[in-house]
Structure formats: C-alpha cells, structure tokens
C-alpha cells in the first residue's frame, strides 16, 4: 500500500508539471481525493486511469476535469458513469475498452468534439447509431469483441465514420 501511495503521489506531482495525469496500473479501486486536491489549479489535458480496478467514476470527476481532450479508462470494471460526464466537452479521444459496459454510456452521445471512441472488449449489445452519427467529427469507433447483432452491425457499416467490428474495418 505504501509503495502504491508513493507512486500515485509521484504521478500527481508529475501531472502538475505536464498537465497529463497517468494513474494507470496503480491498483486503484477508487479515485483518491488527493487527485482533486493536488490538481485543483491545473488544467489537465490528458488523463489515463487504465489497468486499475475502478468500478465507478465519482460525481466530482467531470467537474474537476473539464479541460480533458483525452480520457483513457480502459481495463477497469466500469459499468456506469455519473450524470455530469457530458460536461467534458473537450474530449476528442475516449477509451472505455475492456470494462463491463452493456451499452454505450449516454454521455458519449453528447461529446460534440469526439473524434475517436474505443469500446472494444465490453459486453455492448445496444448502440444508438443515429446519435453516434450526429457527432460530426467522429472518425473512428472500435467495437471489436462485443456481442453486437448482425442487424446492428449492418447499420454501423453504413456510417460515415470508420467502424471496427470483429476482425474487419468498415468505413
């Protein structure tokens, strides 16, 4: 525990300088309050909390990280998100792969600057294709290794953005 705490503290100090927070592989089960205290006056642009054991994102996370352009929450155990995630309007790259998602989180559809979306290796069966198409700048969506129906795959293949399904790419 002490070495994990020291690692998080060191990475928080690095983030104060670089404006990029990397807490990947820290065995986190929740986001420590120190994250908000140490970075409250820092405009963090990139955040990765990949390869942890997070099951939820606290409600204060989105309001404290509104400047993010890249957010990587892959390889956790996430299945739901706080309602205010939609305020993170600067996100261009969002990685939610390898979590416990049954559908595309609702806030994703309201990220107007989103360009790349990684949702592979989840349990996603439900996608509102028309709402994804409404995100003008969306270029790439990775949905590999999800139990998506053939009908839904067909709808996705007609989208303007590039979609990765199974072992093939459609654009």
N, C-alpha and C. Protein backbone atom coordinates (compact mmCIF):
# COMPACT_ATOMS: atom_id res chain seq x y z
N UNK A 1 0.81 -1.20 0.00
CA UNK A 1 0.00 0.00 0.00
C UNK A 1 0.85 1.26 0.00
N UNK A 2 1.90 1.27 0.81
CA UNK A 2 2.76 2.46 0.89
C UNK A 2 3.42 2.75 -0.45
N UNK A 3 3.88 1.71 -1.15
CA UNK A 3 4.52 1.94 -2.44
C UNK A 3 3.51 2.43 -3.47
N UNK A 4 2.24 1.92 -3.39
CA UNK A 4 1.19 2.39 -4.28
C UNK A 4 0.85 3.84 -4.03
N UNK A 5 0.79 4.23 -2.77
CA UNK A 5 0.53 5.61 -2.40
C UNK A 5 1.65 6.52 -2.87
N UNK A 6 2.88 6.07 -2.73
CA UNK A 6 4.04 6.85 -3.19
C UNK A 6 4.01 7.02 -4.71
N UNK A 7 3.62 5.96 -5.42
CA UNK A 7 3.53 6.01 -6.88
C UNK A 7 2.48 7.03 -7.31
N UNK A 8 1.32 7.00 -6.69
CA UNK A 8 0.25 7.95 -7.01
C UNK A 8 0.72 9.38 -6.71
N UNK A 9 1.35 9.59 -5.57
CA UNK A 9 1.84 10.92 -5.20
C UNK A 9 2.86 11.43 -6.21
N UNK A 10 3.77 10.56 -6.64
CA UNK A 10 4.79 10.95 -7.64
C UNK A 10 4.12 11.32 -8.96
N UNK A 11 3.15 10.52 -9.38
CA UNK A 11 2.47 10.79 -10.65
C UNK A 11 1.62 12.06 -10.58
N UNK A 12 1.08 12.36 -9.42
CA UNK A 12 0.33 13.60 -9.26
C UNK A 12 1.26 14.81 -9.36
N UNK A 13 2.44 14.70 -8.77
CA UNK A 13 3.43 15.79 -8.90
C UNK A 13 3.85 15.97 -10.36
N UNK A 14 4.04 14.87 -11.07
CA UNK A 14 4.39 14.94 -12.49
C UNK A 14 3.28 15.62 -13.28
N UNK A 15 2.03 15.31 -12.94
CA UNK A 15 0.88 15.89 -13.65
C UNK A 15 0.79 17.40 -13.44
N UNK A 16 1.24 17.88 -12.29
CA UNK A 16 1.23 19.32 -12.04
C UNK A 16 2.12 20.05 -13.04
N UNK A 17 3.18 19.40 -13.47
CA UNK A 17 4.10 19.99 -14.45
C UNK A 17 3.65 19.75 -15.89
N UNK A 18 3.23 18.51 -16.18
CA UNK A 18 2.99 18.11 -17.57
C UNK A 18 1.56 18.33 -18.05
N UNK A 19 0.62 18.57 -17.14
CA UNK A 19 -0.80 18.67 -17.44
C UNK A 19 -1.36 17.37 -18.02
N UNK A 20 -0.66 16.28 -17.75
CA UNK A 20 -1.07 14.95 -18.20
C UNK A 20 -1.02 14.01 -16.99
N UNK A 21 -2.18 13.48 -16.62
CA UNK A 21 -2.27 12.62 -15.44
C UNK A 21 -2.26 11.15 -15.87
N UNK A 22 -1.28 10.40 -15.37
CA UNK A 22 -1.18 8.98 -15.67
C UNK A 22 -1.22 8.19 -14.37
N UNK A 23 -2.37 7.64 -14.06
CA UNK A 23 -2.52 6.78 -12.90
C UNK A 23 -2.82 5.35 -13.34
N UNK A 24 -2.32 4.98 -14.50
CA UNK A 24 -2.54 3.62 -14.99
C UNK A 24 -1.73 2.62 -14.18
N UNK A 25 -2.30 1.45 -13.99
CA UNK A 25 -1.61 0.37 -13.30
C UNK A 25 -1.27 0.65 -11.85
N UNK A 26 -2.07 1.45 -11.18
CA UNK A 26 -1.81 1.79 -9.76
C UNK A 26 -2.68 0.97 -8.81
N UNK A 27 -3.39 -0.03 -9.31
CA UNK A 27 -4.27 -0.87 -8.49
C UNK A 27 -5.34 -0.07 -7.75
N UNK A 28 -5.83 0.99 -8.38
CA UNK A 28 -6.85 1.84 -7.75
C UNK A 28 -8.22 1.17 -7.79
N UNK A 29 -8.91 1.19 -6.67
CA UNK A 29 -10.30 0.75 -6.62
C UNK A 29 -11.23 1.96 -6.63
N UNK A 30 -10.67 3.13 -6.35
CA UNK A 30 -11.40 4.39 -6.45
C UNK A 30 -10.39 5.50 -6.74
N UNK A 31 -10.89 6.62 -7.20
CA UNK A 31 -10.02 7.75 -7.49
C UNK A 31 -9.75 8.48 -6.17
N UNK A 32 -8.48 8.56 -5.77
CA UNK A 32 -8.15 9.19 -4.47
C UNK A 32 -8.50 10.68 -4.44
N UNK A 33 -8.93 11.15 -3.29
CA UNK A 33 -9.25 12.58 -3.12
C UNK A 33 -8.03 13.46 -3.39
N UNK A 34 -6.84 12.92 -3.19
CA UNK A 34 -5.61 13.68 -3.44
C UNK A 34 -5.54 14.15 -4.90
N UNK A 35 -6.16 13.42 -5.80
CA UNK A 35 -6.18 13.81 -7.22
C UNK A 35 -6.82 15.18 -7.37
N UNK A 36 -7.93 15.38 -6.70
CA UNK A 36 -8.65 16.65 -6.82
C UNK A 36 -7.94 17.77 -6.08
N UNK A 37 -7.37 17.46 -4.93
CA UNK A 37 -6.68 18.48 -4.14
C UNK A 37 -5.40 18.94 -4.83
N UNK A 38 -4.59 18.01 -5.30
CA UNK A 38 -3.29 18.38 -5.88
C UNK A 38 -3.40 18.98 -7.27
N UNK A 39 -4.52 18.72 -7.96
CA UNK A 39 -4.65 19.21 -9.33
C UNK A 39 -5.73 20.26 -9.50
N UNK A 40 -6.21 20.83 -8.39
CA UNK A 40 -7.33 21.77 -8.50
C UNK A 40 -7.00 23.03 -9.29
N UNK A 41 -5.75 23.44 -9.35
CA UNK A 41 -5.40 24.64 -10.12
C UNK A 41 -4.64 24.29 -11.40
N UNK A 42 -4.71 23.01 -11.80
CA UNK A 42 -4.01 22.55 -13.01
C UNK A 42 -5.04 22.21 -14.07
N UNK A 43 -4.79 22.66 -15.28
CA UNK A 43 -5.67 22.34 -16.40
C UNK A 43 -5.14 21.06 -17.06
N UNK A 44 -5.65 19.92 -16.61
CA UNK A 44 -5.19 18.62 -17.12
C UNK A 44 -5.84 18.36 -18.48
N UNK A 45 -4.99 18.06 -19.49
CA UNK A 45 -5.47 17.82 -20.84
C UNK A 45 -5.65 16.34 -21.16
N UNK A 46 -4.84 15.53 -20.53
CA UNK A 46 -4.87 14.10 -20.82
C UNK A 46 -4.89 13.33 -19.50
N UNK A 47 -5.74 12.32 -19.42
CA UNK A 47 -5.85 11.53 -18.20
C UNK A 47 -5.98 10.06 -18.56
N UNK A 48 -5.12 9.24 -18.00
CA UNK A 48 -5.26 7.80 -18.14
C UNK A 48 -5.31 7.16 -16.76
N UNK A 49 -6.34 6.37 -16.57
CA UNK A 49 -6.50 5.59 -15.36
C UNK A 49 -6.73 4.13 -15.76
N UNK A 50 -6.08 3.74 -16.83
CA UNK A 50 -6.22 2.39 -17.37
C UNK A 50 -5.59 1.35 -16.46
N UNK A 51 -6.04 0.14 -16.61
CA UNK A 51 -5.47 -1.01 -15.89
C UNK A 51 -5.50 -0.85 -14.38
N UNK A 52 -6.67 -0.48 -13.89
CA UNK A 52 -6.91 -0.41 -12.45
C UNK A 52 -8.10 -1.31 -12.13
N UNK A 53 -8.74 -1.08 -11.02
CA UNK A 53 -9.90 -1.87 -10.61
C UNK A 53 -11.09 -0.96 -10.29
N UNK A 54 -11.19 0.13 -11.03
CA UNK A 54 -12.26 1.09 -10.80
C UNK A 54 -13.61 0.50 -11.20
N UNK A 55 -14.60 0.66 -10.33
CA UNK A 55 -15.95 0.19 -10.65
C UNK A 55 -16.89 1.37 -10.94
N UNK A 56 -16.50 2.56 -10.51
CA UNK A 56 -17.31 3.75 -10.80
C UNK A 56 -16.43 4.99 -10.81
N UNK A 57 -16.95 5.99 -11.47
CA UNK A 57 -16.30 7.30 -11.53
C UNK A 57 -17.11 8.21 -10.61
N UNK A 58 -16.46 8.87 -9.66
CA UNK A 58 -17.22 9.72 -8.72
C UNK A 58 -17.83 10.95 -9.40
N UNK A 59 -18.94 11.44 -8.87
CA UNK A 59 -19.62 12.60 -9.46
C UNK A 59 -18.74 13.84 -9.60
N UNK A 60 -17.74 14.00 -8.72
CA UNK A 60 -16.91 15.20 -8.80
C UNK A 60 -15.85 15.12 -9.91
N UNK A 61 -15.64 13.96 -10.50
CA UNK A 61 -14.62 13.82 -11.53
C UNK A 61 -14.86 14.74 -12.73
N UNK A 62 -16.03 14.70 -13.37
CA UNK A 62 -16.21 15.53 -14.57
C UNK A 62 -16.06 17.03 -14.31
N UNK A 63 -16.55 17.51 -13.17
CA UNK A 63 -16.46 18.95 -12.90
C UNK A 63 -15.03 19.39 -12.61
N UNK A 64 -14.17 18.47 -12.24
CA UNK A 64 -12.78 18.81 -11.96
C UNK A 64 -11.86 18.59 -13.16
N UNK A 65 -12.37 17.99 -14.22
CA UNK A 65 -11.54 17.69 -15.39
C UNK A 65 -12.23 18.12 -16.69
N UNK A 66 -12.72 19.32 -16.73
CA UNK A 66 -13.44 19.80 -17.91
C UNK A 66 -12.53 20.11 -19.09
N UNK A 67 -11.22 20.23 -18.86
CA UNK A 67 -10.28 20.56 -19.94
C UNK A 67 -9.74 19.34 -20.67
N UNK A 68 -10.11 18.16 -20.25
CA UNK A 68 -9.56 16.95 -20.86
C UNK A 68 -9.86 16.87 -22.35
N UNK A 69 -8.85 16.51 -23.13
CA UNK A 69 -9.05 16.21 -24.54
C UNK A 69 -8.91 14.70 -24.79
N UNK A 70 -8.22 14.02 -23.87
CA UNK A 70 -8.07 12.56 -23.96
C UNK A 70 -8.35 11.94 -22.60
N UNK A 71 -9.21 10.92 -22.60
CA UNK A 71 -9.53 10.21 -21.37
C UNK A 71 -9.47 8.71 -21.63
N UNK A 72 -8.62 8.02 -20.88
CA UNK A 72 -8.45 6.58 -21.01
C UNK A 72 -8.83 5.91 -19.69
N UNK A 73 -9.95 5.23 -19.71
CA UNK A 73 -10.44 4.49 -18.54
C UNK A 73 -10.51 2.99 -18.86
N UNK A 74 -9.73 2.56 -19.82
CA UNK A 74 -9.76 1.17 -20.25
C UNK A 74 -9.24 0.22 -19.18
N UNK A 75 -9.62 -1.03 -19.32
CA UNK A 75 -9.14 -2.11 -18.45
C UNK A 75 -9.44 -1.85 -16.98
N UNK A 76 -10.70 -1.53 -16.72
CA UNK A 76 -11.21 -1.38 -15.37
C UNK A 76 -12.44 -2.27 -15.25
N UNK A 77 -13.34 -1.93 -14.35
CA UNK A 77 -14.58 -2.69 -14.16
C UNK A 77 -15.78 -1.77 -14.20
N UNK A 78 -15.71 -0.76 -15.02
CA UNK A 78 -16.74 0.27 -15.08
C UNK A 78 -17.99 -0.22 -15.81
N UNK A 79 -19.15 0.13 -15.25
CA UNK A 79 -20.41 -0.21 -15.91
C UNK A 79 -21.36 0.99 -15.96
N UNK A 80 -21.06 2.02 -15.18
CA UNK A 80 -21.89 3.22 -15.20
C UNK A 80 -21.05 4.45 -14.87
N UNK A 81 -21.63 5.60 -15.19
CA UNK A 81 -20.90 6.87 -15.04
C UNK A 81 -21.82 7.91 -14.41
N UNK A 82 -21.22 8.94 -13.76
CA UNK A 82 -22.06 9.99 -13.17
C UNK A 82 -22.78 10.79 -14.25
N UNK A 83 -23.91 11.38 -13.91
CA UNK A 83 -24.71 12.10 -14.91
C UNK A 83 -24.00 13.29 -15.55
N UNK A 84 -23.05 13.90 -14.86
CA UNK A 84 -22.40 15.10 -15.39
C UNK A 84 -21.22 14.82 -16.33
N UNK A 85 -21.00 13.60 -16.72
CA UNK A 85 -19.89 13.30 -17.63
C UNK A 85 -20.01 14.08 -18.95
N UNK A 86 -21.22 14.43 -19.33
CA UNK A 86 -21.44 15.15 -20.58
C UNK A 86 -20.81 16.55 -20.60
N UNK A 87 -20.43 17.09 -19.44
CA UNK A 87 -19.84 18.44 -19.43
C UNK A 87 -18.38 18.43 -19.89
N UNK A 88 -17.83 17.27 -20.10
CA UNK A 88 -16.43 17.15 -20.54
C UNK A 88 -16.37 17.29 -22.07
N UNK A 89 -16.78 18.43 -22.54
CA UNK A 89 -16.99 18.67 -23.97
C UNK A 89 -15.72 18.75 -24.81
N UNK A 90 -14.56 18.84 -24.19
CA UNK A 90 -13.31 18.94 -24.96
C UNK A 90 -12.74 17.58 -25.35
N UNK A 91 -13.33 16.50 -24.86
CA UNK A 91 -12.79 15.17 -25.14
C UNK A 91 -12.84 14.86 -26.63
N UNK A 92 -11.66 14.54 -27.17
CA UNK A 92 -11.54 14.13 -28.57
C UNK A 92 -11.29 12.63 -28.68
N UNK A 93 -10.60 12.07 -27.69
CA UNK A 93 -10.29 10.64 -27.69
C UNK A 93 -10.78 10.05 -26.37
N UNK A 94 -11.66 9.04 -26.46
CA UNK A 94 -12.23 8.39 -25.28
C UNK A 94 -12.04 6.89 -25.39
N UNK A 95 -11.37 6.32 -24.40
CA UNK A 95 -11.12 4.88 -24.38
C UNK A 95 -11.82 4.27 -23.17
N UNK A 96 -12.87 3.51 -23.45
CA UNK A 96 -13.62 2.79 -22.42
C UNK A 96 -13.56 1.29 -22.67
N UNK A 97 -12.56 0.85 -23.39
CA UNK A 97 -12.44 -0.57 -23.74
C UNK A 97 -12.14 -1.42 -22.51
N UNK A 98 -12.48 -2.69 -22.61
CA UNK A 98 -12.20 -3.68 -21.56
C UNK A 98 -12.75 -3.26 -20.21
N UNK A 99 -14.05 -2.97 -20.20
CA UNK A 99 -14.78 -2.67 -18.97
C UNK A 99 -15.98 -3.61 -18.91
N UNK A 100 -17.00 -3.22 -18.16
CA UNK A 100 -18.20 -4.04 -18.03
C UNK A 100 -19.42 -3.33 -18.61
N UNK A 101 -19.26 -2.71 -19.77
CA UNK A 101 -20.33 -1.91 -20.36
C UNK A 101 -21.28 -2.79 -21.16
N UNK A 102 -22.60 -2.62 -20.91
CA UNK A 102 -23.62 -3.35 -21.64
C UNK A 102 -24.14 -2.53 -22.82
N UNK A 103 -23.94 -1.22 -22.75
CA UNK A 103 -24.31 -0.35 -23.86
C UNK A 103 -23.39 0.86 -23.87
N UNK A 104 -23.52 1.66 -24.89
CA UNK A 104 -22.70 2.87 -24.98
C UNK A 104 -23.22 3.84 -23.91
N UNK A 105 -22.34 4.32 -23.03
CA UNK A 105 -22.80 5.27 -21.99
C UNK A 105 -23.45 6.50 -22.62
N UNK A 106 -24.55 6.95 -22.04
CA UNK A 106 -25.33 8.06 -22.62
C UNK A 106 -24.51 9.32 -22.83
N UNK A 107 -23.57 9.62 -21.95
CA UNK A 107 -22.80 10.86 -22.08
C UNK A 107 -21.98 10.89 -23.37
N UNK A 108 -21.62 9.74 -23.89
CA UNK A 108 -20.80 9.67 -25.11
C UNK A 108 -21.49 10.39 -26.26
N UNK A 109 -22.79 10.23 -26.37
CA UNK A 109 -23.55 10.83 -27.47
C UNK A 109 -23.56 12.35 -27.42
N UNK A 110 -23.22 12.94 -26.30
CA UNK A 110 -23.24 14.41 -26.19
C UNK A 110 -21.85 15.03 -26.26
N UNK A 111 -20.82 14.23 -26.54
CA UNK A 111 -19.45 14.76 -26.65
C UNK A 111 -19.23 15.26 -28.08
N UNK A 112 -19.53 16.52 -28.30
CA UNK A 112 -19.55 17.07 -29.65
C UNK A 112 -18.18 17.15 -30.32
N UNK A 113 -17.09 17.09 -29.56
CA UNK A 113 -15.75 17.15 -30.15
C UNK A 113 -15.10 15.78 -30.29
N UNK A 114 -15.83 14.73 -29.97
CA UNK A 114 -15.29 13.38 -30.00
C UNK A 114 -14.88 12.98 -31.42
N UNK A 115 -13.65 12.47 -31.54
CA UNK A 115 -13.13 12.02 -32.83
C UNK A 115 -12.86 10.51 -32.85
N UNK A 116 -12.39 9.99 -31.71
CA UNK A 116 -12.06 8.57 -31.64
C UNK A 116 -12.68 7.97 -30.38
N UNK A 117 -13.35 6.82 -30.57
CA UNK A 117 -14.05 6.16 -29.48
C UNK A 117 -13.67 4.69 -29.46
N UNK A 118 -13.13 4.25 -28.34
CA UNK A 118 -12.70 2.87 -28.17
C UNK A 118 -13.61 2.18 -27.16
N UNK A 119 -14.38 1.20 -27.63
CA UNK A 119 -15.33 0.48 -26.79
C UNK A 119 -15.14 -1.03 -26.92
N UNK A 120 -14.03 -1.46 -27.48
CA UNK A 120 -13.83 -2.89 -27.70
C UNK A 120 -13.70 -3.66 -26.39
N UNK A 121 -13.98 -4.95 -26.48
CA UNK A 121 -13.85 -5.85 -25.33
C UNK A 121 -14.74 -5.47 -24.15
N UNK A 122 -16.00 -5.23 -24.45
CA UNK A 122 -17.02 -5.00 -23.44
C UNK A 122 -18.14 -6.01 -23.69
N UNK A 123 -19.32 -5.71 -23.20
CA UNK A 123 -20.50 -6.57 -23.41
C UNK A 123 -21.60 -5.78 -24.10
N UNK A 124 -21.20 -4.85 -24.96
CA UNK A 124 -22.15 -3.92 -25.58
C UNK A 124 -23.03 -4.63 -26.59
N UNK A 125 -24.33 -4.49 -26.37
CA UNK A 125 -25.33 -5.05 -27.28
C UNK A 125 -26.21 -3.96 -27.87
N UNK A 126 -26.20 -2.79 -27.23
CA UNK A 126 -27.10 -1.71 -27.61
C UNK A 126 -26.32 -0.45 -27.97
N UNK A 127 -26.62 0.09 -29.15
CA UNK A 127 -25.97 1.31 -29.62
C UNK A 127 -27.01 2.14 -30.35
N UNK A 128 -27.08 3.42 -30.03
CA UNK A 128 -27.96 4.33 -30.77
C UNK A 128 -27.15 4.88 -31.94
N UNK A 129 -27.22 4.20 -33.05
CA UNK A 129 -26.39 4.52 -34.22
C UNK A 129 -26.65 5.94 -34.71
N UNK A 130 -27.90 6.36 -34.75
CA UNK A 130 -28.20 7.71 -35.25
C UNK A 130 -27.59 8.79 -34.36
N UNK A 131 -27.55 8.55 -33.06
CA UNK A 131 -26.92 9.54 -32.16
C UNK A 131 -25.41 9.55 -32.34
N UNK A 132 -24.80 8.41 -32.61
CA UNK A 132 -23.37 8.38 -32.91
C UNK A 132 -23.10 9.16 -34.20
N UNK A 133 -23.96 8.97 -35.18
CA UNK A 133 -23.80 9.69 -36.46
C UNK A 133 -23.93 11.20 -36.29
N UNK A 134 -24.64 11.64 -35.27
CA UNK A 134 -24.81 13.08 -35.02
C UNK A 134 -23.53 13.75 -34.50
N UNK A 135 -22.56 12.97 -34.08
CA UNK A 135 -21.29 13.55 -33.61
C UNK A 135 -20.46 13.84 -34.86
N UNK A 136 -20.46 15.08 -35.29
CA UNK A 136 -19.90 15.47 -36.59
C UNK A 136 -18.45 15.07 -36.82
N UNK A 137 -17.60 15.26 -35.84
CA UNK A 137 -16.18 15.00 -36.04
C UNK A 137 -15.75 13.56 -35.79
N UNK A 138 -16.68 12.69 -35.43
CA UNK A 138 -16.33 11.31 -35.12
C UNK A 138 -15.75 10.61 -36.34
N UNK A 139 -14.52 10.09 -36.17
CA UNK A 139 -13.83 9.45 -37.30
C UNK A 139 -13.69 7.94 -37.13
N UNK A 140 -13.42 7.50 -35.90
CA UNK A 140 -13.15 6.08 -35.66
C UNK A 140 -13.88 5.58 -34.43
N UNK A 141 -14.50 4.40 -34.56
CA UNK A 141 -15.16 3.74 -33.43
C UNK A 141 -14.73 2.28 -33.45
N UNK A 142 -14.16 1.83 -32.34
CA UNK A 142 -13.74 0.43 -32.23
C UNK A 142 -14.73 -0.29 -31.33
N UNK A 143 -15.45 -1.25 -31.92
CA UNK A 143 -16.45 -2.04 -31.22
C UNK A 143 -16.13 -3.53 -31.27
N UNK A 144 -14.89 -3.86 -31.54
CA UNK A 144 -14.49 -5.26 -31.64
C UNK A 144 -14.78 -6.01 -30.34
N UNK A 145 -15.07 -7.29 -30.48
CA UNK A 145 -15.30 -8.18 -29.34
C UNK A 145 -16.43 -7.72 -28.42
N UNK A 146 -17.53 -7.36 -29.03
CA UNK A 146 -18.78 -7.06 -28.33
C UNK A 146 -19.87 -7.93 -28.98
N UNK A 147 -20.87 -8.35 -28.22
CA UNK A 147 -21.94 -9.21 -28.78
C UNK A 147 -22.99 -8.41 -29.55
N UNK A 148 -22.56 -7.76 -30.62
CA UNK A 148 -23.43 -6.90 -31.42
C UNK A 148 -24.18 -7.75 -32.44
N UNK A 149 -25.47 -7.51 -32.57
CA UNK A 149 -26.30 -8.27 -33.52
C UNK A 149 -25.91 -7.95 -34.96
N UNK A 150 -26.25 -8.86 -35.86
CA UNK A 150 -25.96 -8.65 -37.28
C UNK A 150 -26.70 -7.43 -37.82
N UNK A 151 -27.93 -7.20 -37.34
CA UNK A 151 -28.70 -6.04 -37.77
C UNK A 151 -28.00 -4.74 -37.38
N UNK A 152 -27.51 -4.70 -36.15
CA UNK A 152 -26.79 -3.52 -35.67
C UNK A 152 -25.47 -3.34 -36.43
N UNK A 153 -24.78 -4.43 -36.70
CA UNK A 153 -23.54 -4.36 -37.49
C UNK A 153 -23.83 -3.76 -38.86
N UNK A 154 -24.93 -4.17 -39.45
CA UNK A 154 -25.31 -3.65 -40.76
C UNK A 154 -25.54 -2.15 -40.71
N UNK A 155 -26.23 -1.68 -39.67
CA UNK A 155 -26.46 -0.24 -39.51
C UNK A 155 -25.14 0.51 -39.36
N UNK A 156 -24.24 -0.04 -38.57
CA UNK A 156 -22.95 0.60 -38.32
C UNK A 156 -22.09 0.67 -39.58
N UNK A 157 -22.22 -0.32 -40.43
CA UNK A 157 -21.40 -0.36 -41.65
C UNK A 157 -21.77 0.74 -42.63
N UNK A 158 -22.95 1.32 -42.48
CA UNK A 158 -23.35 2.40 -43.39
C UNK A 158 -23.01 3.79 -42.84
N UNK A 159 -22.34 3.85 -41.69
CA UNK A 159 -21.99 5.14 -41.08
C UNK A 159 -20.84 5.82 -41.82
N UNK A 160 -20.76 7.13 -41.67
CA UNK A 160 -19.70 7.91 -42.32
C UNK A 160 -18.34 7.71 -41.65
N UNK A 161 -18.32 7.36 -40.39
CA UNK A 161 -17.06 7.15 -39.68
C UNK A 161 -16.59 5.70 -39.85
N UNK A 162 -15.33 5.46 -39.57
CA UNK A 162 -14.75 4.12 -39.66
C UNK A 162 -15.14 3.33 -38.41
N UNK A 163 -15.63 2.11 -38.63
CA UNK A 163 -16.05 1.25 -37.53
C UNK A 163 -15.25 -0.04 -37.58
N UNK A 164 -14.71 -0.42 -36.44
CA UNK A 164 -14.01 -1.71 -36.33
C UNK A 164 -14.95 -2.67 -35.63
N UNK A 165 -15.34 -3.74 -36.34
CA UNK A 165 -16.23 -4.77 -35.82
C UNK A 165 -15.56 -6.12 -36.06
N UNK A 166 -15.50 -6.94 -35.06
CA UNK A 166 -14.88 -8.26 -35.24
C UNK A 166 -13.46 -8.11 -35.73
N UNK A 167 -13.16 -8.77 -36.83
CA UNK A 167 -11.81 -8.71 -37.39
C UNK A 167 -11.72 -7.85 -38.64
N UNK A 168 -12.77 -7.05 -38.91
CA UNK A 168 -12.71 -6.23 -40.10
C UNK A 168 -13.08 -4.79 -39.82
N UNK A 169 -12.70 -3.93 -40.74
CA UNK A 169 -12.93 -2.49 -40.61
C UNK A 169 -13.88 -2.07 -41.71
N UNK A 170 -14.87 -1.25 -41.36
CA UNK A 170 -15.77 -0.70 -42.37
C UNK A 170 -15.69 0.81 -42.31
N UNK A 171 -15.81 1.42 -43.46
CA UNK A 171 -15.82 2.88 -43.49
C UNK A 171 -16.71 3.38 -44.58
